[in-house]
Amino acid sequence: MSRSDPNPMTATERRAAVSLAGIFGLRMLGMFLILPVFALYAKTLPGGENHTLVGLALGVYGLTQAVLLIPFGMASDRFGRKPVIIAGLLIFALGSFLAASADDLWGVLLGRALQGAGAISAAVTALLADLTREEKRTQAMAMIGSTIGLAFAFSLAASPVFYRWIGVPGMFAMTGVLALLAIVVVKFVTPTPGKTAFHSDAETNPARLKDVLRQPELLRLNWGIFALHAAQMAMFMVVPFALIEGGLDAQHHWQVYLPVMLISLIVLVPAIIYGEKHGGLKKVFVGAIALMLVAQIGLAVSIHEFWGVVAALLAYFVAFNILEASLPSLVSKIAPPEAKGTAMGVYNTSQALGLFFGAAAGGWLAQDHGMVFAFCSVLMAIWLILAARMTPPPRVKTQMFHIGIISAEEAQRLATRLTVFTGVEAVTVLPEEGSVLLKVAQTGWDEEGIRHLLQGEN
């Protein structure tokens, strides 16, 4: 019998999580929706005969996002969360409308660069942290993660249909309109925090960057997200043409993407449960990377065989969804609690750089389809070697509690008292933030005793 949550999210927390998850999903929708059809569209524009330029136009979004992601988050500390988010959405909308109205590939490239320059992800995460209690923040972040996953799945299936109905310019214009509507949501639906504070679990602290960049296990994961999205962007420079060559016109590519995505999501659930609940996360993780390598090799050798491409895409999406779900969880388990936000900032920047590098490399190599998948295979082979050597991740989760501002001496005494509780693996007390971060065993930790102690501190 499941136990009900004795301390559920408040109405304000739910409203914040739902509205900000929607905004996050919009950002990813703007990227994902054009992915399956962009190379086909670019070929029809002046400049589209230059494969490298096509790749740059697709991937420049990631470059400007990588450059501005952390600065936008830091700006939100100084100028306020909502003003920075609204400014970012305006930039994103401007880029969308510019790309929609462009009559050559250079115009699209500029529009994509502006889309990426509206890099609000860190500011959105910081606002969510302002509006949620520490102990509910993981739940709120999970809602955002689920929204991103749904946006990706929806985009793959819907993109060919939108391509037929309104074309890529219409898709750009639609994301621009949605960005403007998102501004309304931010202004009138998302709660306004009573105060803005720095949150170590959700924001990048420049002073912690050196520590995060020195951790080998985190560097492996940063390479992983870089390689995963670089391969994704590179392969979609080729896959749409392979499906057309196999006899399936662009408007019906959803007939391939939708089934393979649904099957991959069905496989995802038991894989993650086995990894998280039964201590098999490294096995699942390394196995998914190996499957990704097999998928890329399969695409290389069967690129001119329709059903071979479909089979390889199924393997690819099974592996992709497992890895996309596992990587943030691994970062959370491995990163020091006081540097979790910094670790995620580096991780997200690595992902954005992968988007740019993969699209640019895929465009450069696109004249030889086999070379694109050879490139992707090399990325996966390097990752497989790195992941095989990783230390099995600890079976822990992070729990956060608010205690109010205390002195450094009180924080030290509290940390000492918390270490004796069953299931507590690591304790970090942040007196200036008034919070306690615990890494605890996934099951069997003394939650009741810890809550009783911390309530006595308030």
Protein backbone atom coordinates (compact mmCIF):
# COMPACT_ATOMS: atom_id res chain seq x y z
CA MET A 1 0.00 0.00 0.00
CA SER A 2 1.50 3.35 -1.02
CA ARG A 3 1.87 6.07 1.58
CA SER A 4 0.37 9.44 0.71
CA ASP A 5 2.68 12.43 0.69
CA PRO A 6 2.36 14.07 4.14
CA ASN A 7 3.68 17.34 2.76
CA PRO A 8 2.37 17.81 -0.82
CA MET A 9 3.17 20.67 -3.16
CA THR A 10 1.20 23.82 -2.48
CA ALA A 11 -1.08 25.36 -5.09
CA THR A 12 1.53 28.07 -5.73
CA GLU A 13 4.26 25.47 -6.22
CA ARG A 14 2.10 23.48 -8.62
CA ARG A 15 1.24 26.62 -10.59
CA ALA A 16 4.92 27.56 -10.78
CA ALA A 17 6.01 24.08 -11.83
CA VAL A 18 3.32 23.65 -14.49
CA SER A 19 3.74 27.10 -16.04
CA LEU A 20 7.55 26.97 -16.10
CA ALA A 21 7.55 23.41 -17.41
CA GLY A 22 5.40 24.65 -20.28
CA ILE A 23 7.87 27.44 -21.03
CA PHE A 24 10.77 24.99 -20.91
CA GLY A 25 8.90 22.66 -23.22
CA LEU A 26 8.31 25.52 -25.66
CA ARG A 27 12.05 26.21 -25.87
CA MET A 28 12.75 22.59 -26.70
CA LEU A 29 9.80 22.41 -29.10
CA GLY A 30 11.32 25.27 -31.07
CA MET A 31 14.44 23.17 -31.56
CA PHE A 32 12.97 19.70 -31.95
CA LEU A 33 10.05 20.50 -34.24
CA ILE A 34 12.18 21.44 -37.21
CA LEU A 35 14.83 18.75 -36.66
CA PRO A 36 13.33 15.97 -38.82
CA VAL A 37 12.60 18.26 -41.78
CA PHE A 38 15.12 21.11 -41.68
CA ALA A 39 17.64 19.53 -44.07
CA LEU A 40 14.85 18.92 -46.60
CA TYR A 41 13.64 22.52 -46.35
CA ALA A 42 17.11 24.06 -46.47
CA LYS A 43 17.79 22.32 -49.77
CA THR A 44 15.05 24.45 -51.38
CA LEU A 45 16.61 27.79 -50.33
CA PRO A 46 19.38 29.81 -51.95
CA GLY A 47 22.53 28.54 -50.25
CA GLY A 48 20.96 25.15 -49.57
CA GLU A 49 23.35 23.44 -51.95
CA ASN A 50 26.11 24.15 -49.41
CA HIS A 51 25.79 21.26 -46.95
CA THR A 52 28.12 22.85 -44.43
CA LEU A 53 26.01 26.02 -44.38
CA VAL A 54 22.90 23.91 -43.84
CA GLY A 55 24.53 22.28 -40.83
CA LEU A 56 25.60 25.63 -39.42
CA ALA A 57 22.10 27.06 -39.84
CA LEU A 58 20.66 24.10 -37.95
CA GLY A 59 23.27 24.05 -35.21
CA VAL A 60 24.04 27.73 -34.56
CA TYR A 61 21.09 27.69 -32.14
CA GLY A 62 23.21 25.52 -29.85
CA LEU A 63 26.27 27.74 -30.11
CA THR A 64 24.57 30.97 -29.03
CA GLN A 65 22.69 29.08 -26.34
CA ALA A 66 25.92 27.60 -24.96
CA VAL A 67 27.59 31.02 -24.86
CA LEU A 68 24.68 32.79 -23.14
CA LEU A 69 23.14 30.08 -20.96
CA ILE A 70 25.12 30.77 -17.78
CA PRO A 71 25.27 34.60 -18.27
CA PHE A 72 21.46 34.69 -18.54
CA GLY A 73 21.20 32.83 -15.24
CA MET A 74 23.62 35.22 -13.57
CA ALA A 75 21.75 38.20 -15.02
CA SER A 76 18.54 36.92 -13.44
CA ASP A 77 20.23 37.13 -10.03
CA ARG A 78 20.92 40.82 -10.63
CA PHE A 79 17.99 42.08 -12.67
CA GLY A 80 15.23 39.72 -11.57
CA ARG A 81 13.99 36.39 -12.90
CA LYS A 82 10.91 37.50 -14.80
CA PRO A 83 12.47 40.47 -16.64
CA VAL A 84 15.32 38.28 -17.87
CA ILE A 85 12.97 35.46 -18.92
CA ILE A 86 10.69 37.89 -20.77
CA ALA A 87 13.69 39.46 -22.51
CA GLY A 88 14.89 36.00 -23.54
CA LEU A 89 11.48 35.03 -24.89
CA LEU A 90 11.35 38.27 -26.91
CA ILE A 91 14.74 37.47 -28.42
CA PHE A 92 13.60 33.93 -29.15
CA ALA A 93 10.40 35.21 -30.79
CA LEU A 94 12.35 37.74 -32.87
CA GLY A 95 14.65 34.98 -34.08
CA SER A 96 11.67 32.77 -34.92
CA PHE A 97 9.98 35.45 -37.01
CA LEU A 98 13.25 36.33 -38.72
CA ALA A 99 13.82 32.69 -39.67
CA ALA A 100 10.20 32.43 -40.86
CA SER A 101 10.55 35.42 -43.18
CA ALA A 102 14.05 34.60 -44.49
CA ASP A 103 14.30 33.99 -48.22
CA ASP A 104 17.78 32.45 -48.12
CA LEU A 105 19.77 30.20 -45.80
CA TRP A 106 21.82 33.06 -44.36
CA GLY A 107 18.64 34.67 -43.07
CA VAL A 108 17.58 31.41 -41.47
CA LEU A 109 21.02 31.11 -39.88
CA LEU A 110 20.68 34.55 -38.32
CA GLY A 111 17.19 33.73 -37.07
CA ARG A 112 18.40 30.47 -35.53
CA ALA A 113 21.26 32.31 -33.83
CA LEU A 114 18.78 34.73 -32.27
CA GLN A 115 16.55 31.85 -31.17
CA GLY A 116 19.45 30.33 -29.29
CA ALA A 117 20.44 33.71 -27.84
CA GLY A 118 17.19 33.72 -25.88
CA ALA A 119 18.91 31.31 -23.47
CA ILE A 120 16.44 31.41 -20.59
CA SER A 121 16.84 27.87 -19.28
CA ALA A 122 19.03 28.79 -16.31
CA ALA A 123 16.81 31.76 -15.41
CA VAL A 124 13.70 29.55 -15.55
CA THR A 125 15.34 26.98 -13.29
CA ALA A 126 16.36 29.71 -10.84
CA LEU A 127 12.80 31.10 -10.77
CA LEU A 128 11.45 27.62 -10.10
CA ALA A 129 13.89 27.33 -7.20
CA ASP A 130 12.65 30.66 -5.81
CA LEU A 131 9.05 29.43 -5.95
CA THR A 132 9.44 25.93 -4.49
CA ARG A 133 10.55 24.59 -1.15
CA GLU A 134 13.80 22.66 -1.12
CA GLU A 135 12.09 19.36 -0.40
CA LYS A 136 9.73 19.81 -3.41
CA ARG A 137 12.29 21.09 -5.90
CA THR A 138 13.25 17.67 -7.24
CA GLN A 139 9.59 16.91 -7.94
CA ALA A 140 9.19 20.23 -9.76
CA MET A 141 12.35 19.63 -11.80
CA ALA A 142 11.02 16.19 -12.73
CA MET A 143 7.92 17.85 -14.18
CA ILE A 144 10.18 19.96 -16.40
CA GLY A 145 12.13 16.89 -17.47
CA SER A 146 8.93 15.06 -18.38
CA THR A 147 7.73 18.05 -20.41
CA ILE A 148 10.97 18.13 -22.39
CA GLY A 149 10.64 14.41 -23.12
CA LEU A 150 7.06 14.85 -24.28
CA ALA A 151 8.10 17.80 -26.48
CA PHE A 152 10.71 15.63 -28.16
CA ALA A 153 8.32 12.73 -28.74
CA PHE A 154 5.58 15.04 -30.02
CA SER A 155 7.97 16.86 -32.33
CA LEU A 156 9.20 13.75 -34.08
CA ALA A 157 5.70 12.55 -34.84
CA ALA A 158 4.15 15.96 -35.60
CA SER A 159 6.97 17.60 -37.54
CA PRO A 160 6.26 15.87 -40.89
CA VAL A 161 2.56 16.71 -40.53
CA PHE A 162 3.27 20.39 -39.83
CA TYR A 163 5.75 20.36 -42.71
CA ARG A 164 2.91 19.40 -45.04
CA TRP A 165 0.42 21.85 -43.55
CA ILE A 166 2.42 25.03 -42.98
CA GLY A 167 6.00 24.29 -44.03
CA VAL A 168 9.11 25.15 -42.02
CA PRO A 169 8.48 28.94 -42.23
CA GLY A 170 5.07 28.36 -40.69
CA MET A 171 6.66 26.25 -37.96
CA PHE A 172 9.12 29.03 -37.17
CA ALA A 173 6.26 31.58 -37.07
CA MET A 174 4.22 29.28 -34.82
CA THR A 175 7.05 28.98 -32.29
CA GLY A 176 7.39 32.77 -32.37
CA VAL A 177 3.70 33.21 -31.54
CA LEU A 178 3.96 30.61 -28.78
CA ALA A 179 6.93 32.49 -27.32
CA LEU A 180 4.84 35.66 -27.15
CA LEU A 181 2.04 33.73 -25.46
CA ALA A 182 4.61 32.35 -23.03
CA ILE A 183 5.40 35.93 -22.02
CA VAL A 184 1.76 36.32 -21.01
CA VAL A 185 2.04 33.14 -18.95
CA VAL A 186 5.21 34.38 -17.22
CA LYS A 187 3.65 37.75 -16.44
CA PHE A 188 0.16 36.69 -15.33
CA VAL A 189 0.22 32.96 -14.48
CA THR A 190 3.63 32.19 -13.03
CA PRO A 191 3.79 33.39 -9.41
CA THR A 192 6.18 36.21 -8.56
CA PRO A 193 8.64 35.23 -5.82
CA GLY A 194 8.65 37.26 -2.65
CA LYS A 195 12.43 37.42 -2.84
CA THR A 196 15.18 36.22 -5.14
CA ALA A 197 17.94 34.12 -3.62
CA PHE A 198 20.86 32.07 -4.89
CA HIS A 199 20.24 28.30 -4.88
CA SER A 200 23.26 26.01 -5.00
CA ASP A 201 21.20 23.09 -6.24
CA ALA A 202 19.73 25.00 -9.19
CA GLU A 203 22.16 27.74 -10.23
CA THR A 204 25.72 27.96 -11.49
CA ASN A 205 28.25 29.34 -9.03
CA PRO A 206 31.37 30.48 -10.95
CA ALA A 207 33.46 29.79 -7.84
CA ARG A 208 32.50 26.09 -8.10
CA LEU A 209 33.32 25.68 -11.80
CA LYS A 210 36.89 24.62 -11.18
CA ASP A 211 35.77 21.88 -8.76
CA VAL A 212 33.15 20.55 -11.17
CA LEU A 213 35.53 20.58 -14.16
CA ARG A 214 38.09 18.59 -12.19
CA GLN A 215 35.78 15.67 -11.43
CA PRO A 216 36.50 12.80 -13.86
CA GLU A 217 33.10 11.17 -13.38
CA LEU A 218 31.27 14.40 -14.22
CA LEU A 219 33.53 14.95 -17.24
CA ARG A 220 32.50 11.52 -18.55
CA LEU A 221 28.86 12.55 -18.29
CA ASN A 222 29.53 15.91 -19.94
CA TRP A 223 31.19 14.11 -22.85
CA GLY A 224 28.18 11.80 -22.97
CA ILE A 225 25.57 14.53 -23.35
CA PHE A 226 27.83 16.32 -25.86
CA ALA A 227 28.23 13.17 -27.95
CA LEU A 228 24.58 12.14 -27.66
CA HIS A 229 23.27 15.40 -29.09
CA ALA A 230 26.10 15.85 -31.58
CA ALA A 231 25.19 12.47 -33.08
CA GLN A 232 21.50 13.35 -33.06
CA MET A 233 22.03 16.55 -35.04
CA ALA A 234 24.47 14.96 -37.48
CA MET A 235 22.27 11.98 -38.30
CA PHE A 236 19.22 14.14 -39.03
CA MET A 237 21.21 15.80 -41.76
CA VAL A 238 20.95 12.45 -43.58
CA VAL A 239 18.06 10.33 -42.24
CA PRO A 240 15.23 12.33 -43.90
CA PHE A 241 16.83 11.80 -47.31
CA ALA A 242 17.34 8.09 -46.59
CA LEU A 243 13.64 7.66 -45.81
CA ILE A 244 12.70 9.46 -49.04
CA GLU A 245 15.12 7.28 -50.98
CA GLY A 246 13.36 4.29 -49.44
CA GLY A 247 10.07 5.42 -50.96
CA LEU A 248 8.46 7.33 -48.07
CA ASP A 249 7.73 10.98 -48.86
CA ALA A 250 8.50 13.61 -46.22
CA GLN A 251 4.85 14.17 -45.23
CA HIS A 252 4.61 10.54 -44.11
CA HIS A 253 7.86 10.21 -42.15
CA TRP A 254 5.73 10.24 -39.01
CA GLN A 255 4.73 6.68 -39.94
CA VAL A 256 8.30 5.69 -39.03
CA TYR A 257 9.03 8.13 -36.19
CA LEU A 258 5.82 7.59 -34.23
CA PRO A 259 5.97 3.75 -33.92
CA VAL A 260 9.69 3.61 -33.12
CA MET A 261 9.28 6.38 -30.53
CA LEU A 262 6.33 4.63 -28.85
CA ILE A 263 8.15 1.31 -28.72
CA SER A 264 11.25 2.99 -27.31
CA LEU A 265 9.21 4.67 -24.56
CA ILE A 266 7.71 1.30 -23.61
CA VAL A 267 11.21 -0.15 -23.27
CA LEU A 268 12.39 2.90 -21.32
CA VAL A 269 10.23 2.32 -18.25
CA PRO A 270 11.45 -1.15 -17.20
CA ALA A 271 15.04 -0.21 -18.08
CA ILE A 272 15.01 2.79 -15.75
CA ILE A 273 13.20 0.89 -12.99
CA TYR A 274 15.81 -1.88 -13.15
CA GLY A 275 18.63 0.64 -13.12
CA GLU A 276 17.35 2.80 -10.28
CA LYS A 277 15.63 0.25 -8.05
CA HIS A 278 17.89 -2.79 -8.46
CA GLY A 279 21.33 -1.23 -8.59
CA GLY A 280 21.81 -1.87 -12.29
CA LEU A 281 22.16 1.72 -13.48
CA LYS A 282 25.70 1.30 -14.82
CA LYS A 283 24.72 -1.89 -16.70
CA VAL A 284 21.70 -0.17 -18.27
CA PHE A 285 23.71 2.95 -19.05
CA VAL A 286 26.66 1.22 -20.68
CA GLY A 287 24.31 -1.16 -22.48
CA ALA A 288 22.38 1.77 -23.95
CA ILE A 289 25.61 3.36 -25.21
CA ALA A 290 26.59 0.04 -26.81
CA LEU A 291 23.15 -0.15 -28.44
CA MET A 292 23.59 3.42 -29.71
CA LEU A 293 26.90 2.40 -31.28
CA VAL A 294 25.20 -0.58 -32.93
CA ALA A 295 22.46 1.74 -34.24
CA GLN A 296 24.98 4.11 -35.81
CA ILE A 297 26.88 1.24 -37.44
CA GLY A 298 23.54 -0.18 -38.60
CA LEU A 299 22.63 3.13 -40.22
CA ALA A 300 26.02 3.26 -41.93
CA VAL A 301 25.71 -0.19 -43.51
CA SER A 302 21.98 -0.11 -44.31
CA ILE A 303 21.49 3.53 -45.31
CA HIS A 304 20.14 2.49 -48.73
CA GLU A 305 17.82 -0.20 -47.31
CA PHE A 306 14.53 1.19 -46.03
CA TRP A 307 13.78 -1.48 -43.42
CA GLY A 308 17.38 -1.51 -42.32
CA VAL A 309 17.11 2.21 -41.61
CA VAL A 310 13.85 1.67 -39.69
CA ALA A 311 15.40 -1.10 -37.56
CA ALA A 312 18.44 1.06 -36.82
CA LEU A 313 16.20 4.00 -35.88
CA LEU A 314 14.32 1.79 -33.43
CA ALA A 315 17.59 0.81 -31.76
CA TYR A 316 18.67 4.45 -31.79
CA PHE A 317 15.54 5.77 -30.07
CA VAL A 318 15.55 3.02 -27.45
CA ALA A 319 19.13 3.94 -26.58
CA PHE A 320 18.55 7.70 -26.85
CA ASN A 321 15.59 7.78 -24.48
CA ILE A 322 17.35 5.63 -21.87
CA LEU A 323 20.46 7.80 -22.01
CA GLU A 324 18.53 11.08 -22.02
CA ALA A 325 16.68 9.95 -18.88
CA SER A 326 19.75 8.52 -17.13
CA LEU A 327 22.28 11.30 -17.62
CA PRO A 328 20.68 14.03 -15.43
CA SER A 329 20.08 11.44 -12.71
CA LEU A 330 23.74 10.43 -12.79
CA VAL A 331 24.88 14.06 -12.59
CA SER A 332 22.65 14.54 -9.54
CA LYS A 333 24.03 11.42 -7.84
CA ILE A 334 27.68 12.22 -8.51
CA ALA A 335 27.88 16.01 -8.13
CA PRO A 336 28.64 17.43 -4.67
CA PRO A 337 25.34 18.67 -3.24
CA GLU A 338 26.65 22.21 -2.84
CA ALA A 339 27.72 22.26 -6.52
CA LYS A 340 24.79 20.46 -8.10
CA GLY A 341 23.52 23.58 -9.86
CA THR A 342 26.99 24.31 -11.21
CA ALA A 343 27.37 20.73 -12.43
CA MET A 344 24.03 20.97 -14.25
CA GLY A 345 25.06 24.30 -15.78
CA VAL A 346 28.20 22.74 -17.25
CA TYR A 347 26.17 19.72 -18.35
CA ASN A 348 23.59 21.89 -20.15
CA THR A 349 26.32 23.93 -21.81
CA SER A 350 27.96 20.70 -23.02
CA GLN A 351 24.64 19.62 -24.50
CA ALA A 352 24.23 22.90 -26.38
CA LEU A 353 27.79 22.69 -27.73
CA GLY A 354 27.03 19.17 -28.92
CA LEU A 355 24.04 20.46 -30.85
CA PHE A 356 26.24 22.95 -32.68
CA PHE A 357 29.21 20.68 -33.27
CA GLY A 358 27.08 17.76 -34.47
CA ALA A 359 25.05 19.81 -36.92
CA ALA A 360 28.15 21.56 -38.30
CA ALA A 361 30.09 18.29 -38.66
CA GLY A 362 27.05 16.50 -40.08
CA GLY A 363 26.60 19.21 -42.70
CA TRP A 364 30.27 19.11 -43.66
CA LEU A 365 30.16 15.31 -44.03
CA ALA A 366 26.67 15.09 -45.52
CA GLN A 367 27.80 14.60 -49.12
CA ASP A 368 28.93 11.13 -48.04
CA HIS A 369 26.17 9.59 -45.92
CA GLY A 370 28.42 6.82 -44.70
CA MET A 371 30.90 9.35 -43.30
CA VAL A 372 28.17 10.96 -41.18
CA PHE A 373 27.45 7.68 -39.42
CA ALA A 374 31.15 6.87 -39.18
CA PHE A 375 31.52 10.19 -37.34
CA CYS A 376 28.60 9.30 -35.04
CA SER A 377 30.06 5.84 -34.45
CA VAL A 378 33.39 7.33 -33.37
CA LEU A 379 31.60 9.58 -30.87
CA MET A 380 29.74 6.60 -29.43
CA ALA A 381 32.84 4.37 -29.34
CA ILE A 382 34.75 6.99 -27.33
CA TRP A 383 31.80 7.35 -24.98
CA LEU A 384 31.52 3.57 -24.56
CA ILE A 385 35.17 3.34 -23.53
CA LEU A 386 34.77 6.20 -21.05
CA ALA A 387 31.53 4.84 -19.59
CA ALA A 388 32.87 1.30 -19.21
CA ARG A 389 35.50 2.71 -16.85
CA MET A 390 33.11 4.78 -14.74
CA THR A 391 32.66 4.00 -11.08
CA PRO A 392 29.19 2.50 -10.48
CA PRO A 393 27.03 5.41 -9.31
CA PRO A 394 26.00 5.37 -5.65
CA ARG A 395 22.46 4.27 -4.95
CA VAL A 396 21.53 7.61 -3.43
CA LYS A 397 19.20 10.50 -3.96
CA THR A 398 19.40 14.13 -2.89
CA GLN A 399 17.00 15.49 -0.30
CA MET A 400 16.77 19.17 0.60
CA PHE A 401 15.29 20.86 3.65
CA HIS A 402 14.80 24.50 4.62
CA ILE A 403 16.00 25.44 8.10
CA GLY A 404 16.37 29.22 7.94
CA ILE A 405 19.53 31.29 8.14
CA ILE A 406 21.96 30.04 10.81
CA SER A 407 25.54 30.73 11.82
CA ALA A 408 28.53 28.75 10.53
CA GLU A 409 29.04 27.24 14.00
CA GLU A 410 25.42 26.07 14.17
CA ALA A 411 25.74 24.63 10.67
CA GLN A 412 28.78 22.60 11.72
CA ARG A 413 27.00 21.21 14.79
CA LEU A 414 23.90 20.35 12.74
CA ALA A 415 25.96 18.56 10.08
CA THR A 416 27.61 16.45 12.79
CA ARG A 417 24.24 15.45 14.24
CA LEU A 418 22.80 14.53 10.85
CA THR A 419 25.62 12.16 9.92
CA VAL A 420 24.54 9.60 12.53
CA PHE A 421 21.10 8.96 10.99
CA THR A 422 20.49 5.73 9.14
CA GLY A 423 20.92 5.98 5.38
CA VAL A 424 22.67 9.38 5.36
CA GLU A 425 25.65 9.23 3.00
CA ALA A 426 26.67 12.91 2.88
CA VAL A 427 25.60 16.11 4.59
CA THR A 428 25.98 19.69 3.36
CA VAL A 429 24.60 22.57 5.41
CA LEU A 430 24.49 25.93 3.65
CA PRO A 431 23.99 28.47 6.46
CA GLU A 432 23.83 31.49 4.14
CA GLU A 433 21.05 29.84 2.12
CA GLY A 434 19.29 28.36 5.15
CA SER A 435 19.15 24.87 3.65
CA VAL A 436 20.37 21.35 4.26
CA LEU A 437 21.32 19.04 1.40
CA LEU A 438 21.52 15.33 2.13
CA LYS A 439 22.57 12.43 -0.01
CA VAL A 440 20.62 9.50 1.36
CA ALA A 441 20.05 5.88 0.46
CA GLN A 442 17.22 5.39 -2.02
CA THR A 443 15.35 3.29 0.54
CA GLY A 444 15.56 2.83 4.27
CA TRP A 445 16.79 6.27 5.33
CA ASP A 446 15.43 7.72 8.56
CA GLU A 447 13.25 10.43 7.06
CA GLU A 448 11.03 10.77 10.12
CA GLY A 449 13.96 11.21 12.50
CA ILE A 450 15.68 13.75 10.26
CA ARG A 451 12.51 15.81 9.83
CA HIS A 452 11.96 15.78 13.60
CA LEU A 453 15.52 17.05 14.20
CA LEU A 454 15.27 19.78 11.57
CA GLN A 455 11.87 20.97 12.79
CA GLY A 456 13.45 21.41 16.19
CA GLU A 457 16.06 23.67 14.59
CA ASN A 458 13.43 26.07 13.17
